[in-house]
C-alpha cells in the first residue's frame, strides 16, 4: 500500500532507517516511532518508496 501523503512517506523512511539500525530508535518522533514497532520492514519499504510527486503534504483527516 503506498503512502497517502509526503509526511507519511517521510515518517516511513525514518522508521525504516531505525529498523535497519542506521539511526537510533530514540531519535524518532511521532508517527515514525509508532511505525517502527507496528510495521514490518517490507511494509515500511513500500511506504517509503512511494513517489512523492503529486502527494499532498499531509493526509486529510476523515470526519
PDB file of N, CA and C in Angstrom:
ATOM      1  N   UNK A   1       0.849  -1.169   0.000  1.00  0.00           N
ATOM      2  CA  UNK A   1       0.000   0.000   0.000  1.00  0.00           C
ATOM      3  C   UNK A   1       0.897   1.235   0.000  1.00  0.00           C
ATOM      4  N   UNK A   2       0.705   2.140  -0.940  1.00  0.00           N
ATOM      5  CA  UNK A   2       1.544   3.341  -0.994  1.00  0.00           C
ATOM      6  C   UNK A   2       1.159   4.359   0.068  1.00  0.00           C
ATOM      7  N   UNK A   3       2.093   5.237   0.384  1.00  0.00           N
ATOM      8  CA  UNK A   3       1.839   6.315   1.341  1.00  0.00           C
ATOM      9  C   UNK A   3       0.790   7.258   0.766  1.00  0.00           C
ATOM     10  N   UNK A   4      -0.004   7.869   1.635  1.00  0.00           N
ATOM     11  CA  UNK A   4      -1.070   8.776   1.208  1.00  0.00           C
ATOM     12  C   UNK A   4      -0.639  10.234   1.236  1.00  0.00           C
ATOM     13  N   UNK A   5       0.520  10.522   1.838  1.00  0.00           N
ATOM     14  CA  UNK A   5       0.997  11.900   1.915  1.00  0.00           C
ATOM     15  C   UNK A   5       2.522  11.911   2.001  1.00  0.00           C
ATOM     16  N   UNK A   6       3.090  13.101   1.772  1.00  0.00           N
ATOM     17  CA  UNK A   6       4.532  13.258   1.877  1.00  0.00           C
ATOM     18  C   UNK A   6       4.991  13.029   3.313  1.00  0.00           C
ATOM     19  N   UNK A   7       4.204  13.478   4.272  1.00  0.00           N
ATOM     20  CA  UNK A   7       4.566  13.308   5.682  1.00  0.00           C
ATOM     21  C   UNK A   7       4.609  11.825   6.049  1.00  0.00           C
ATOM     22  N   UNK A   8       3.645  11.054   5.558  1.00  0.00           N
ATOM     23  CA  UNK A   8       3.595   9.617   5.838  1.00  0.00           C
ATOM     24  C   UNK A   8       4.786   8.910   5.187  1.00  0.00           C
ATOM     25  N   UNK A   9       5.145   9.313   3.982  1.00  0.00           N
ATOM     26  CA  UNK A   9       6.281   8.709   3.278  1.00  0.00           C
ATOM     27  C   UNK A   9       7.578   9.006   4.013  1.00  0.00           C
ATOM     28  N   UNK A  10       7.714  10.227   4.492  1.00  0.00           N
ATOM     29  CA  UNK A  10       8.928  10.633   5.208  1.00  0.00           C
ATOM     30  C   UNK A  10       9.038   9.899   6.551  1.00  0.00           C
ATOM     31  N   UNK A  11       7.926   9.752   7.263  1.00  0.00           N
ATOM     32  CA  UNK A  11       7.916   9.033   8.540  1.00  0.00           C
ATOM     33  C   UNK A  11       8.289   7.564   8.331  1.00  0.00           C
ATOM     34  N   UNK A  12       7.793   6.976   7.264  1.00  0.00           N
ATOM     35  CA  UNK A  12       8.110   5.575   6.970  1.00  0.00           C
ATOM     36  C   UNK A  12       9.600   5.414   6.677  1.00  0.00           C
ATOM     37  N   UNK A  13      10.181   6.374   5.991  1.00  0.00           N
ATOM     38  CA  UNK A  13      11.615   6.323   5.701  1.00  0.00           C
ATOM     39  C   UNK A  13      12.449   6.376   6.970  1.00  0.00           C
ATOM     40  N   UNK A  14      12.053   7.229   7.900  1.00  0.00           N
ATOM     41  CA  UNK A  14      12.773   7.334   9.168  1.00  0.00           C
ATOM     42  C   UNK A  14      12.618   6.046   9.976  1.00  0.00           C
ATOM     43  N   UNK A  15      11.404   5.494  10.006  1.00  0.00           N
ATOM     44  CA  UNK A  15      11.161   4.253  10.736  1.00  0.00           C
ATOM     45  C   UNK A  15      11.955   3.102  10.123  1.00  0.00           C
ATOM     46  N   UNK A  16      12.041   3.068   8.813  1.00  0.00           N
ATOM     47  CA  UNK A  16      12.802   2.026   8.120  1.00  0.00           C
ATOM     48  C   UNK A  16      14.287   2.119   8.471  1.00  0.00           C
ATOM     49  N   UNK A  17      14.809   3.321   8.521  1.00  0.00           N
ATOM     50  CA  UNK A  17      16.214   3.515   8.890  1.00  0.00           C
ATOM     51  C   UNK A  17      16.477   3.012  10.309  1.00  0.00           C
ATOM     52  N   UNK A  18      15.539   3.267  11.214  1.00  0.00           N
ATOM     53  CA  UNK A  18      15.693   2.800  12.597  1.00  0.00           C
ATOM     54  C   UNK A  18      15.598   1.276  12.675  1.00  0.00           C
ATOM     55  N   UNK A  19      14.684   0.716  11.911  1.00  0.00           N
ATOM     56  CA  UNK A  19      14.520  -0.747  11.919  1.00  0.00           C
ATOM     57  C   UNK A  19      15.774  -1.436  11.390  1.00  0.00           C
ATOM     58  N   UNK A  20      16.465  -0.800  10.453  1.00  0.00           N
ATOM     59  CA  UNK A  20      17.683  -1.366   9.880  1.00  0.00           C
ATOM     60  C   UNK A  20      18.914  -1.049  10.728  1.00  0.00           C
ATOM     61  N   UNK A  21      18.755  -0.233  11.759  1.00  0.00           N
ATOM     62  CA  UNK A  21      19.869   0.093  12.633  1.00  0.00           C
ATOM     63  C   UNK A  21      20.724   1.245  12.139  1.00  0.00           C
ATOM     64  N   UNK A  22      20.247   1.967  11.145  1.00  0.00           N
ATOM     65  CA  UNK A  22      21.011   3.092  10.602  1.00  0.00           C
ATOM     66  C   UNK A  22      20.938   4.319  11.512  1.00  0.00           C
ATOM     67  N   UNK A  23      19.834   4.445  12.236  1.00  0.00           N
ATOM     68  CA  UNK A  23      19.692   5.504  13.238  1.00  0.00           C
ATOM     69  C   UNK A  23      19.110   4.878  14.500  1.00  0.00           C
ATOM     70  N   UNK A  24      19.234   5.561  15.618  1.00  0.00           N
ATOM     71  CA  UNK A  24      18.699   5.041  16.873  1.00  0.00           C
ATOM     72  C   UNK A  24      17.198   5.272  16.952  1.00  0.00           C
ATOM     73  N   UNK A  25      16.490   4.302  17.499  1.00  0.00           N
ATOM     74  CA  UNK A  25      15.045   4.429  17.646  1.00  0.00           C
ATOM     75  C   UNK A  25      14.700   5.629  18.530  1.00  0.00           C
ATOM     76  N   UNK A  26      15.556   5.957  19.476  1.00  0.00           N
ATOM     77  CA  UNK A  26      15.307   7.081  20.372  1.00  0.00           C
ATOM     78  C   UNK A  26      15.326   8.428  19.639  1.00  0.00           C
ATOM     79  N   UNK A  27      15.867   8.463  18.433  1.00  0.00           N
ATOM     80  CA  UNK A  27      15.897   9.693  17.639  1.00  0.00           C
ATOM     81  C   UNK A  27      14.573   9.944  16.919  1.00  0.00           C
ATOM     82  N   UNK A  28      13.707   8.942  16.854  1.00  0.00           N
ATOM     83  CA  UNK A  28      12.434   9.068  16.154  1.00  0.00           C
ATOM     84  C   UNK A  28      11.424   9.849  16.984  1.00  0.00           C
ATOM     85  N   UNK A  29      10.502  10.509  16.273  1.00  0.00           N
ATOM     86  CA  UNK A  29       9.429  11.254  16.923  1.00  0.00           C
ATOM     87  C   UNK A  29       8.113  10.930  16.236  1.00  0.00           C
ATOM     88  N   UNK A  30       7.026  11.090  16.951  1.00  0.00           N
ATOM     89  CA  UNK A  30       5.691  10.987  16.366  1.00  0.00           C
ATOM     90  C   UNK A  30       5.377   9.676  15.691  1.00  0.00           C
ATOM     91  N   UNK A  31       4.827   9.800  14.488  1.00  0.00           N
ATOM     92  CA  UNK A  31       4.341   8.634  13.757  1.00  0.00           C
ATOM     93  C   UNK A  31       5.441   7.631  13.438  1.00  0.00           C
ATOM     94  N   UNK A  32       6.636   8.115  13.155  1.00  0.00           N
ATOM     95  CA  UNK A  32       7.711   7.187  12.796  1.00  0.00           C
ATOM     96  C   UNK A  32       8.064   6.269  13.961  1.00  0.00           C
ATOM     97  N   UNK A  33       7.955   6.766  15.192  1.00  0.00           N
ATOM     98  CA  UNK A  33       8.230   5.939  16.372  1.00  0.00           C
ATOM     99  C   UNK A  33       7.201   4.814  16.488  1.00  0.00           C
ATOM    100  N   UNK A  34       5.947   5.105  16.170  1.00  0.00           N
ATOM    101  CA  UNK A  34       4.907   4.077  16.208  1.00  0.00           C
ATOM    102  C   UNK A  34       5.053   3.103  15.042  1.00  0.00           C
ATOM    103  N   UNK A  35       5.427   3.623  13.886  1.00  0.00           N
ATOM    104  CA  UNK A  35       5.553   2.777  12.697  1.00  0.00           C
ATOM    105  C   UNK A  35       6.636   1.718  12.858  1.00  0.00           C
ATOM    106  N   UNK A  36       7.739   2.058  13.487  1.00  0.00           N
ATOM    107  CA  UNK A  36       8.856   1.117  13.606  1.00  0.00           C
ATOM    108  C   UNK A  36       8.438  -0.118  14.411  1.00  0.00           C
ATOM    109  N   UNK A  37       7.532   0.049  15.366  1.00  0.00           N
ATOM    110  CA  UNK A  37       7.071  -1.084  16.171  1.00  0.00           C
ATOM    111  C   UNK A  37       5.917  -1.847  15.536  1.00  0.00           C
ATOM    112  N   UNK A  38       5.074  -1.154  14.785  1.00  0.00           N
ATOM    113  CA  UNK A  38       3.847  -1.784  14.304  1.00  0.00           C
ATOM    114  C   UNK A  38       3.910  -2.306  12.870  1.00  0.00           C
ATOM    115  N   UNK A  39       4.975  -1.981  12.132  1.00  0.00           N
ATOM    116  CA  UNK A  39       5.041  -2.389  10.730  1.00  0.00           C
ATOM    117  C   UNK A  39       6.292  -3.221  10.458  1.00  0.00           C
ATOM    118  N   UNK A  40       6.177  -4.106   9.485  1.00  0.00           N
ATOM    119  CA  UNK A  40       7.332  -4.919   9.089  1.00  0.00           C
ATOM    120  C   UNK A  40       8.254  -4.096   8.195  1.00  0.00           C
ATOM    121  N   UNK A  41       9.459  -4.585   7.995  1.00  0.00           N
ATOM    122  CA  UNK A  41      10.418  -3.891   7.134  1.00  0.00           C
ATOM    123  C   UNK A  41       9.877  -3.785   5.705  1.00  0.00           C
ATOM    124  N   UNK A  42       9.211  -4.830   5.229  1.00  0.00           N
ATOM    125  CA  UNK A  42       8.647  -4.805   3.875  1.00  0.00           C
ATOM    126  C   UNK A  42       7.565  -3.743   3.738  1.00  0.00           C
ATOM    127  N   UNK A  43       6.705  -3.624   4.748  1.00  0.00           N
ATOM    128  CA  UNK A  43       5.657  -2.608   4.717  1.00  0.00           C
ATOM    129  C   UNK A  43       6.273  -1.211   4.726  1.00  0.00           C
ATOM    130  N   UNK A  44       7.274  -1.007   5.556  1.00  0.00           N
ATOM    131  CA  UNK A  44       7.933   0.288   5.624  1.00  0.00           C
ATOM    132  C   UNK A  44       8.618   0.626   4.301  1.00  0.00           C
ATOM    133  N   UNK A  45       9.238  -0.360   3.669  1.00  0.00           N
ATOM    134  CA  UNK A  45       9.873  -0.143   2.368  1.00  0.00           C
ATOM    135  C   UNK A  45       8.853   0.318   1.339  1.00  0.00           C
ATOM    136  N   UNK A  46       7.681  -0.310   1.350  1.00  0.00           N
ATOM    137  CA  UNK A  46       6.634   0.042   0.399  1.00  0.00           C
ATOM    138  C   UNK A  46       6.169   1.486   0.609  1.00  0.00           C
ATOM    139  N   UNK A  47       5.951   1.872   1.857  1.00  0.00           N
ATOM    140  CA  UNK A  47       5.534   3.241   2.157  1.00  0.00           C
ATOM    141  C   UNK A  47       6.638   4.225   1.791  1.00  0.00           C
ATOM    142  N   UNK A  48       7.863   3.927   2.170  1.00  0.00           N
ATOM    143  CA  UNK A  48       8.981   4.845   1.960  1.00  0.00           C
ATOM    144  C   UNK A  48       9.334   5.008   0.485  1.00  0.00           C
ATOM    145  N   UNK A  49       9.061   3.999  -0.327  1.00  0.00           N
ATOM    146  CA  UNK A  49       9.425   4.061  -1.738  1.00  0.00           C
ATOM    147  C   UNK A  49       8.368   4.735  -2.595  1.00  0.00           C
ATOM    148  N   UNK A  50       7.267   5.157  -2.001  1.00  0.00           N
ATOM    149  CA  UNK A  50       6.213   5.844  -2.742  1.00  0.00           C
ATOM    150  C   UNK A  50       6.776   7.127  -3.360  1.00  0.00           C
ATOM    151  N   UNK A  51       6.474   7.357  -4.608  1.00  0.00           N
ATOM    152  CA  UNK A  51       6.902   8.589  -5.269  1.00  0.00           C
ATOM    153  C   UNK A  51       6.185   9.770  -4.629  1.00  0.00           C
ATOM    154  N   UNK A  52       6.923  10.839  -4.338  1.00  0.00           N
ATOM    155  CA  UNK A  52       6.357  11.997  -3.635  1.00  0.00           C
ATOM    156  C   UNK A  52       5.606  12.942  -4.569  1.00  0.00           C
ATOM    157  N   UNK A  53       5.891  12.880  -5.851  1.00  0.00           N
ATOM    158  CA  UNK A  53       5.251  13.795  -6.789  1.00  0.00           C
ATOM    159  C   UNK A  53       3.734  13.582  -6.794  1.00  0.00           C
ATOM    160  N   UNK A  54       3.006  14.652  -6.578  1.00  0.00           N
ATOM    161  CA  UNK A  54       1.549  14.578  -6.603  1.00  0.00           C
ATOM    162  C   UNK A  54       0.905  14.261  -5.268  1.00  0.00           C
ATOM    163  N   UNK A  55       1.696  13.921  -4.252  1.00  0.00           N
ATOM    164  CA  UNK A  55       1.128  13.632  -2.941  1.00  0.00           C
ATOM    165  C   UNK A  55       0.881  14.937  -2.183  1.00  0.00           C
ATOM    166  N   UNK A  56      -0.186  14.991  -1.387  1.00  0.00           N
ATOM    167  CA  UNK A  56      -0.389  16.180  -0.548  1.00  0.00           C
ATOM    168  C   UNK A  56       0.641  16.188   0.576  1.00  0.00           C
ATOM    169  N   UNK A  57       0.889  17.345   1.159  1.00  0.00           N
ATOM    170  CA  UNK A  57       1.850  17.458   2.251  1.00  0.00           C
ATOM    171  C   UNK A  57       1.402  16.625   3.442  1.00  0.00           C
ATOM    172  N   UNK A  58       0.113  16.684   3.747  1.00  0.00           N
ATOM    173  CA  UNK A  58      -0.453  15.909   4.858  1.00  0.00           C
ATOM    174  C   UNK A  58      -1.760  15.289   4.405  1.00  0.00           C
ATOM    175  N   UNK A  59      -2.073  14.149   4.955  1.00  0.00           N
ATOM    176  CA  UNK A  59      -3.307  13.458   4.643  1.00  0.00           C
ATOM    177  C   UNK A  59      -4.463  14.201   5.290  1.00  0.00           C
ATOM    178  N   UNK A  60      -5.564  14.346   4.568  1.00  0.00           N
ATOM    179  CA  UNK A  60      -6.737  14.999   5.137  1.00  0.00           C
ATOM    180  C   UNK A  60      -7.369  14.103   6.189  1.00  0.00           C
ATOM    181  N   UNK A  61      -7.845  14.725   7.255  1.00  0.00           N
ATOM    182  CA  UNK A  61      -8.492  13.965   8.319  1.00  0.00           C
ATOM    183  C   UNK A  61      -9.894  13.564   7.887  1.00  0.00           C
ATOM    184  N   UNK A  62     -10.269  12.333   8.173  1.00  0.00           N
ATOM    185  CA  UNK A  62     -11.609  11.845   7.880  1.00  0.00           C
ATOM    186  C   UNK A  62     -12.534  12.193   9.035  1.00  0.00           C
ATOM    187  N   UNK A  63     -13.665  12.783   8.708  1.00  0.00           N
ATOM    188  CA  UNK A  63     -14.620  13.153   9.772  1.00  0.00           C
ATOM    189  C   UNK A  63     -15.626  12.084  10.013  1.00  0.00           C
TER     190      UNK A  63
END
